[in-house]
C-alpha cells in the first residue's frame, strides 16, 4: 500500500483518503476522548463500542461491531508519511495496537504518537471532532459526500466556493489517479451521489456549476445555503413541553449524553449510561426538558402535526 505524504499541519488530507468506515472509527474515538475529558495519549487506548457506533450511524449493533472490526483491521495496515517543518519526513501508521472484546461488543484502539501529535493541528479541529458535527453527516453512505461536505464547510460564511480545478478537486476528494478517469464516471459515481446525499440528509442544499476550457470541463464551483424548513413542518416552540415516546426518550437521552454541552450534568467520573439515564428523566420533566429542546431539533426530532 503506497504512502500518503502530507504537511505536518494538514493531516486532514490523510483523513480524506480513508474509507467511510475508517473515517468514522477515527472520528468516534477522538470525539469520545475529547468529550469525556480522557484526552489523547499513547498510554491509554480509546474505547469504541458497537452500541455507540450503532447510535451514531443508525445501524444495528451487530452491523456496527463488524464495521468497527473491518475498519480497524484496514486502518491498522495503512501508513502515511508526514513532511515536517524542517524538511525531514516521518512515516507512521494510524493505530499502534487493538484489543478485541467480542463478548462485550467493543474494541480498544491506541493511536500512534504521530497521529496524536498532529491531529490537533488540523484546521478546524475543534469543530471537526464533535458529536454535533458528526450528526450532520451520520446518514451519508458515500465517503465522497462526507469529503465534499467538509470541503464546502470551509466556505460556510459566504455560501459559495471558488472554482475547484479538476486535478486539485480530485485530490481534495481523495480520488486516486486511476479512479473515475472519465468525466461521465466522475459525475455519475462521485459528484451526483454526493450532492444527492448532502441535499437529502444534511443541513444545507447545494448545487454546482461546471467550468470549461474550450469544450473540456476544467473544474467545478458550488453554491449552498442552509436548508429551508418545509412549510408543512411546524417548528417546535422552546417554551412548549414535547410529548416524547419512551423509544424517543431512550434514543435521544443516549445521544444527548454524548454532547459536551451537557458534561456539567455528569457527577464525578460516572459512565455515559448513568448520565444518559439522568437526562432521560429530565426529558420527562416539563421544566427540565426546555434545556434540551434546541438540541433535540438538531438530532432530528420533528413535532407531530398536533403539537402546535
Protein backbone atom coordinates (compact mmCIF):
# COMPACT_ATOMS: atom_id res chain seq x y z
CA UNK A 1 0.00 0.00 0.00
CA UNK A 2 1.52 3.33 -1.07
CA UNK A 3 2.29 6.07 1.40
CA UNK A 4 0.43 9.36 1.54
CA UNK A 5 2.69 12.37 2.09
CA UNK A 6 1.17 15.38 3.87
CA UNK A 7 2.46 18.51 5.58
CA UNK A 8 2.54 18.45 9.36
CA UNK A 9 -0.42 20.81 9.81
CA UNK A 10 -2.56 19.17 7.13
CA UNK A 11 -3.23 15.69 8.47
CA UNK A 12 -6.81 16.26 7.30
CA UNK A 13 -5.53 15.44 3.79
CA UNK A 14 -4.61 11.99 5.05
CA UNK A 15 -8.01 11.55 6.69
CA UNK A 16 -9.70 12.43 3.40
CA UNK A 17 -8.15 9.36 1.75
CA UNK A 18 -9.64 6.96 4.30
CA UNK A 19 -12.76 4.91 3.70
CA UNK A 20 -16.05 5.97 5.24
CA UNK A 21 -15.84 3.30 7.97
CA UNK A 22 -12.21 4.19 8.76
CA UNK A 23 -13.06 7.88 9.00
CA UNK A 24 -15.95 7.16 11.33
CA UNK A 25 -13.79 4.98 13.57
CA UNK A 26 -11.27 7.78 13.98
CA UNK A 27 -13.93 10.43 14.50
CA UNK A 28 -15.79 8.45 17.16
CA UNK A 29 -12.62 7.56 19.03
CA UNK A 30 -11.32 11.13 19.10
CA UNK A 31 -14.73 12.68 19.82
CA UNK A 32 -15.28 10.41 22.82
CA UNK A 33 -11.75 11.02 24.09
CA UNK A 34 -12.32 14.78 23.95
CA UNK A 35 -15.86 14.90 25.29
CA UNK A 36 -15.21 12.58 28.22
CA UNK A 37 -12.15 14.60 29.19
CA UNK A 38 -9.99 11.50 28.80
CA UNK A 39 -7.87 13.11 26.13
CA UNK A 40 -5.49 11.58 23.62
CA UNK A 41 -2.29 9.80 24.61
CA UNK A 42 -0.31 6.73 23.64
CA UNK A 43 -0.69 5.08 27.05
CA UNK A 44 -4.48 4.94 27.17
CA UNK A 45 -6.45 3.06 24.49
CA UNK A 46 -9.65 4.56 23.14
CA UNK A 47 -12.82 2.53 23.55
CA UNK A 48 -15.25 2.02 20.69
CA UNK A 49 -18.46 0.14 21.40
CA UNK A 50 -20.91 -1.32 18.91
CA UNK A 51 -23.73 0.40 20.81
CA UNK A 52 -22.08 3.80 20.42
CA UNK A 53 -21.44 3.23 16.71
CA UNK A 54 -25.00 1.98 16.18
CA UNK A 55 -26.49 5.06 17.85
CA UNK A 56 -24.27 7.43 15.89
CA UNK A 57 -24.91 5.93 12.46
CA UNK A 58 -28.36 4.35 12.78
CA UNK A 59 -27.38 0.70 12.30
CA UNK A 60 -27.97 -2.42 14.38
CA UNK A 61 -25.28 -3.38 16.95
CA UNK A 62 -24.11 -6.50 15.06
CA UNK A 63 -23.58 -4.44 11.91
CA UNK A 64 -21.84 -1.78 13.97
CA UNK A 65 -19.42 -4.27 15.53
CA UNK A 66 -18.49 -5.75 12.14
CA UNK A 67 -17.94 -2.24 10.76
CA UNK A 68 -15.63 -1.42 13.67
CA UNK A 69 -13.60 -4.61 13.25
CA UNK A 70 -13.24 -4.22 9.48
CA UNK A 71 -12.33 -0.54 9.78
CA UNK A 72 -9.77 -1.21 12.50
CA UNK A 73 -8.18 -4.03 10.51
CA UNK A 74 -7.74 -1.94 7.35
CA UNK A 75 -6.75 1.19 9.27
CA UNK A 76 -4.10 -0.78 11.18
CA UNK A 77 -2.44 -1.68 7.87
CA UNK A 78 -2.44 1.83 6.44
CA UNK A 79 0.55 4.13 6.67
CA UNK A 80 1.39 7.67 5.66
CA UNK A 81 4.40 9.99 5.69
CA UNK A 82 4.47 13.38 7.39
CA UNK A 83 6.70 16.11 5.96
CA UNK A 84 7.97 18.10 8.93
CA UNK A 85 8.68 21.82 9.03
CA UNK A 86 12.44 21.21 8.86
CA UNK A 87 12.07 19.19 5.66
CA UNK A 88 12.56 15.78 7.28
CA UNK A 89 9.92 13.08 6.94
CA UNK A 90 8.26 10.76 9.43
CA UNK A 91 6.50 7.56 8.40
CA UNK A 92 3.68 6.33 10.62
CA UNK A 93 0.69 4.07 10.92
CA UNK A 94 -2.66 5.23 12.29
CA UNK A 95 -3.12 2.63 15.04
CA UNK A 96 -0.38 1.02 17.12
CA UNK A 97 -2.49 -1.73 18.72
CA UNK A 98 -6.04 -3.02 19.06
CA UNK A 99 -7.76 -5.19 21.64
CA UNK A 100 -10.96 -7.06 20.77
CA UNK A 101 -13.70 -7.58 23.37
CA UNK A 102 -16.20 -9.51 21.26
CA UNK A 103 -18.27 -10.72 24.18
CA UNK A 104 -18.65 -7.10 25.30
CA UNK A 105 -19.29 -5.71 21.82
CA UNK A 106 -16.38 -3.29 21.86
CA UNK A 107 -12.78 -2.79 20.82
CA UNK A 108 -9.93 -0.77 22.33
CA UNK A 109 -7.53 1.00 19.96
CA UNK A 110 -4.44 3.09 20.63
CA UNK A 111 -3.50 5.79 18.14
CA UNK A 112 0.15 6.22 17.23
CA UNK A 113 2.21 9.05 18.67
CA UNK A 114 2.48 10.77 15.27
CA UNK A 115 -1.29 10.81 14.78
CA UNK A 116 -1.88 12.18 18.27
CA UNK A 117 0.83 14.83 17.83
CA UNK A 118 -0.56 16.09 14.53
CA UNK A 119 -4.32 15.58 14.71
CA UNK A 120 -4.79 18.68 16.89
CA UNK A 121 -3.04 20.77 14.24
CA UNK A 122 -5.83 20.15 11.74
CA UNK A 123 -7.54 23.34 10.64
CA UNK A 124 -10.95 23.33 12.32
CA UNK A 125 -10.03 20.53 14.74
CA UNK A 126 -12.40 21.82 17.44
CA UNK A 127 -15.36 21.72 15.04
CA UNK A 128 -14.46 18.58 13.10
CA UNK A 129 -14.22 16.27 16.09
CA UNK A 130 -17.54 16.98 17.85
CA UNK A 131 -20.72 14.93 18.21
CA UNK A 132 -22.77 17.80 16.80
CA UNK A 133 -20.66 17.90 13.65
CA UNK A 134 -20.77 14.12 13.27
CA UNK A 135 -24.57 14.11 13.34
CA UNK A 136 -24.70 16.27 10.21
CA UNK A 137 -23.04 13.56 8.13
CA UNK A 138 -24.15 10.44 10.03
CA UNK A 139 -26.64 9.33 7.35
CA UNK A 140 -24.26 9.68 4.43
CA UNK A 141 -23.46 6.40 2.69
CA UNK A 142 -20.81 7.76 0.33
CA UNK A 143 -17.41 8.76 1.63
CA UNK A 144 -17.32 11.37 -1.14
CA UNK A 145 -20.43 13.01 0.34
CA UNK A 146 -18.57 13.36 3.64
CA UNK A 147 -15.47 14.76 1.97
CA UNK A 148 -17.41 17.21 -0.20
CA UNK A 149 -19.45 18.41 2.79
CA UNK A 150 -16.23 19.05 4.74
CA UNK A 151 -14.85 20.96 1.78
CA UNK A 152 -17.96 23.13 1.44
CA UNK A 153 -17.96 23.97 5.15
CA UNK A 154 -14.68 25.84 4.66
CA UNK A 155 -16.76 28.46 2.79
CA UNK A 156 -19.77 28.32 5.11
CA UNK A 157 -19.69 32.05 5.84
CA UNK A 158 -20.13 33.03 2.17
CA UNK A 159 -22.17 30.10 0.85
CA UNK A 160 -20.13 29.63 -2.29
CA UNK A 161 -16.75 28.26 -3.28
CA UNK A 162 -14.10 29.33 -5.74
CA UNK A 163 -13.54 27.15 -8.78
CA UNK A 164 -12.00 23.83 -7.82
CA UNK A 165 -9.86 22.90 -10.78
CA UNK A 166 -10.12 19.26 -11.71
CA UNK A 167 -6.74 17.90 -10.63
CA UNK A 168 -6.90 19.64 -7.25
CA UNK A 169 -10.58 18.76 -6.78
CA UNK A 170 -9.89 15.07 -7.30
CA UNK A 171 -7.11 15.31 -4.73
CA UNK A 172 -9.40 17.10 -2.26
CA UNK A 173 -11.96 14.30 -2.55
CA UNK A 174 -9.30 11.61 -2.17
CA UNK A 175 -9.87 10.16 -5.65
CA UNK A 176 -6.98 8.06 -6.92
CA UNK A 177 -5.19 8.83 -10.18
CA UNK A 178 -6.75 5.83 -11.91
CA UNK A 179 -10.21 6.16 -10.37
CA UNK A 180 -13.12 7.64 -12.35
CA UNK A 181 -10.80 8.95 -15.05
CA UNK A 182 -13.70 9.65 -17.44
CA UNK A 183 -15.75 12.76 -16.65
CA UNK A 184 -19.02 10.86 -17.06
CA UNK A 185 -17.98 8.37 -14.39
CA UNK A 186 -16.72 11.10 -12.06
CA UNK A 187 -20.02 12.96 -12.22
CA UNK A 188 -22.25 9.88 -12.04
CA UNK A 189 -20.36 7.83 -9.44
CA UNK A 190 -18.96 10.61 -7.25
CA UNK A 191 -20.39 14.08 -7.68
CA UNK A 192 -24.08 13.34 -8.30
CA UNK A 193 -24.29 10.78 -5.49
CA UNK A 194 -22.50 13.10 -3.06
CA UNK A 195 -24.82 16.00 -3.86
CA UNK A 196 -27.93 13.84 -3.59
CA UNK A 197 -26.94 12.69 -0.09
CA UNK A 198 -25.90 16.15 1.09
CA UNK A 199 -29.18 17.63 -0.14
CA UNK A 200 -31.25 14.87 1.42
CA UNK A 201 -29.57 14.32 4.77
CA UNK A 202 -27.52 17.38 5.77
CA UNK A 203 -28.38 20.87 6.96
CA UNK A 204 -27.64 22.53 3.58
CA UNK A 205 -28.78 22.41 -0.03
CA UNK A 206 -26.09 22.64 -2.67
CA UNK A 207 -25.78 22.91 -6.43
CA UNK A 208 -22.75 23.04 -8.67
CA UNK A 209 -21.61 24.73 -11.86
CA UNK A 210 -19.10 23.21 -14.22
CA UNK A 211 -16.43 25.35 -15.86
CA UNK A 212 -14.78 24.67 -19.19
CA UNK A 213 -11.65 25.48 -21.10
CA UNK A 214 -12.84 25.22 -24.65
CA UNK A 215 -15.04 22.13 -24.76
CA UNK A 216 -13.36 20.36 -21.85
CA UNK A 217 -14.58 20.61 -18.24
CA UNK A 218 -11.74 22.09 -16.19
CA UNK A 219 -13.37 22.45 -12.78
CA UNK A 220 -16.43 22.92 -10.58
CA UNK A 221 -17.75 25.57 -8.23
CA UNK A 222 -20.54 25.23 -5.66
CA UNK A 223 -23.26 27.37 -4.13
CA UNK A 224 -25.08 26.28 -0.99
CA UNK A 225 -27.38 27.62 1.71
CA UNK A 226 -28.95 26.45 4.97
CA UNK A 227 -31.83 24.11 4.33
CA UNK A 228 -35.21 25.84 4.45
CA UNK A 229 -37.81 24.39 6.77
CA UNK A 230 -40.62 22.62 4.97
CA UNK A 231 -43.76 24.72 5.06
CA UNK A 232 -45.83 21.86 6.40
CA UNK A 233 -43.38 21.15 9.20
CA UNK A 234 -44.30 23.06 12.33
CA UNK A 235 -41.41 24.35 14.37
CA UNK A 236 -41.36 23.27 17.98
CA UNK A 237 -41.63 26.14 20.41
CA UNK A 238 -38.88 26.09 23.01
CA UNK A 239 -41.39 27.03 25.66
CA UNK A 240 -43.69 24.07 24.96
CA UNK A 241 -43.37 20.63 26.54
CA UNK A 242 -42.66 17.91 23.98
CA UNK A 243 -44.53 14.65 24.30
CA UNK A 244 -41.81 12.10 23.62
CA UNK A 245 -42.40 8.37 23.35
CA UNK A 246 -40.38 6.01 25.53
CA UNK A 247 -38.40 4.98 22.45
CA UNK A 248 -37.60 8.62 21.64
CA UNK A 249 -36.58 9.35 25.22
CA UNK A 250 -34.26 6.35 25.19
CA UNK A 251 -32.71 7.24 21.82
CA UNK A 252 -32.33 10.98 22.40
CA UNK A 253 -31.20 10.50 26.00
CA UNK A 254 -28.32 8.33 24.82
CA UNK A 255 -27.37 10.84 22.12
CA UNK A 256 -27.62 13.92 24.34
CA UNK A 257 -25.35 12.30 26.93
CA UNK A 258 -22.57 12.31 24.32
CA UNK A 259 -22.73 16.06 23.74
CA UNK A 260 -20.11 18.15 25.50
CA UNK A 261 -22.74 20.82 26.19
CA UNK A 262 -24.18 18.58 28.93
CA UNK A 263 -20.96 17.41 30.54
CA UNK A 264 -21.82 19.61 33.53
CA UNK A 265 -24.66 17.20 34.34
CA UNK A 266 -22.23 14.35 34.99
CA UNK A 267 -21.30 13.58 38.58
CA UNK A 268 -17.64 12.71 39.05
CA UNK A 269 -16.40 10.02 36.68
CA UNK A 270 -19.75 8.34 36.16
CA UNK A 271 -20.35 6.44 32.93
CA UNK A 272 -22.24 7.66 29.90
CA UNK A 273 -25.01 5.19 30.75
CA UNK A 274 -25.61 6.78 34.15
CA UNK A 275 -25.60 10.29 32.67
CA UNK A 276 -27.95 9.16 29.88
CA UNK A 277 -30.42 7.80 32.43
CA UNK A 278 -30.39 11.13 34.27
CA UNK A 279 -31.05 13.02 31.04
CA UNK A 280 -33.90 10.64 30.17
CA UNK A 281 -35.57 11.53 33.47
CA UNK A 282 -35.09 15.23 32.70
CA UNK A 283 -36.71 14.80 29.28
CA UNK A 284 -39.88 13.70 31.08
CA UNK A 285 -39.93 16.86 33.20
CA UNK A 286 -41.71 19.88 31.60
CA UNK A 287 -39.29 22.35 33.20
CA UNK A 288 -36.01 20.48 32.86
CA UNK A 289 -36.78 19.43 29.28
CA UNK A 290 -36.53 23.02 28.00
CA UNK A 291 -32.74 22.99 28.10
CA UNK A 292 -32.61 20.12 25.62
CA UNK A 293 -35.19 21.28 23.05
CA UNK A 294 -32.79 23.09 20.65
CA UNK A 295 -30.53 20.03 20.65
CA UNK A 296 -33.45 17.67 20.07
CA UNK A 297 -34.15 19.59 16.86
CA UNK A 298 -30.53 19.23 15.78
CA UNK A 299 -30.69 15.50 16.50
CA UNK A 300 -33.65 15.12 14.15
CA UNK A 301 -36.73 15.44 16.37
CA UNK A 302 -39.80 16.60 14.45
CA UNK A 303 -43.01 17.70 16.09
CA UNK A 304 -46.18 15.86 15.22
CA UNK A 305 -48.90 17.76 13.41
CA UNK A 306 -50.97 18.09 16.58
CA UNK A 307 -48.11 19.65 18.55
CA UNK A 308 -48.65 23.31 17.76
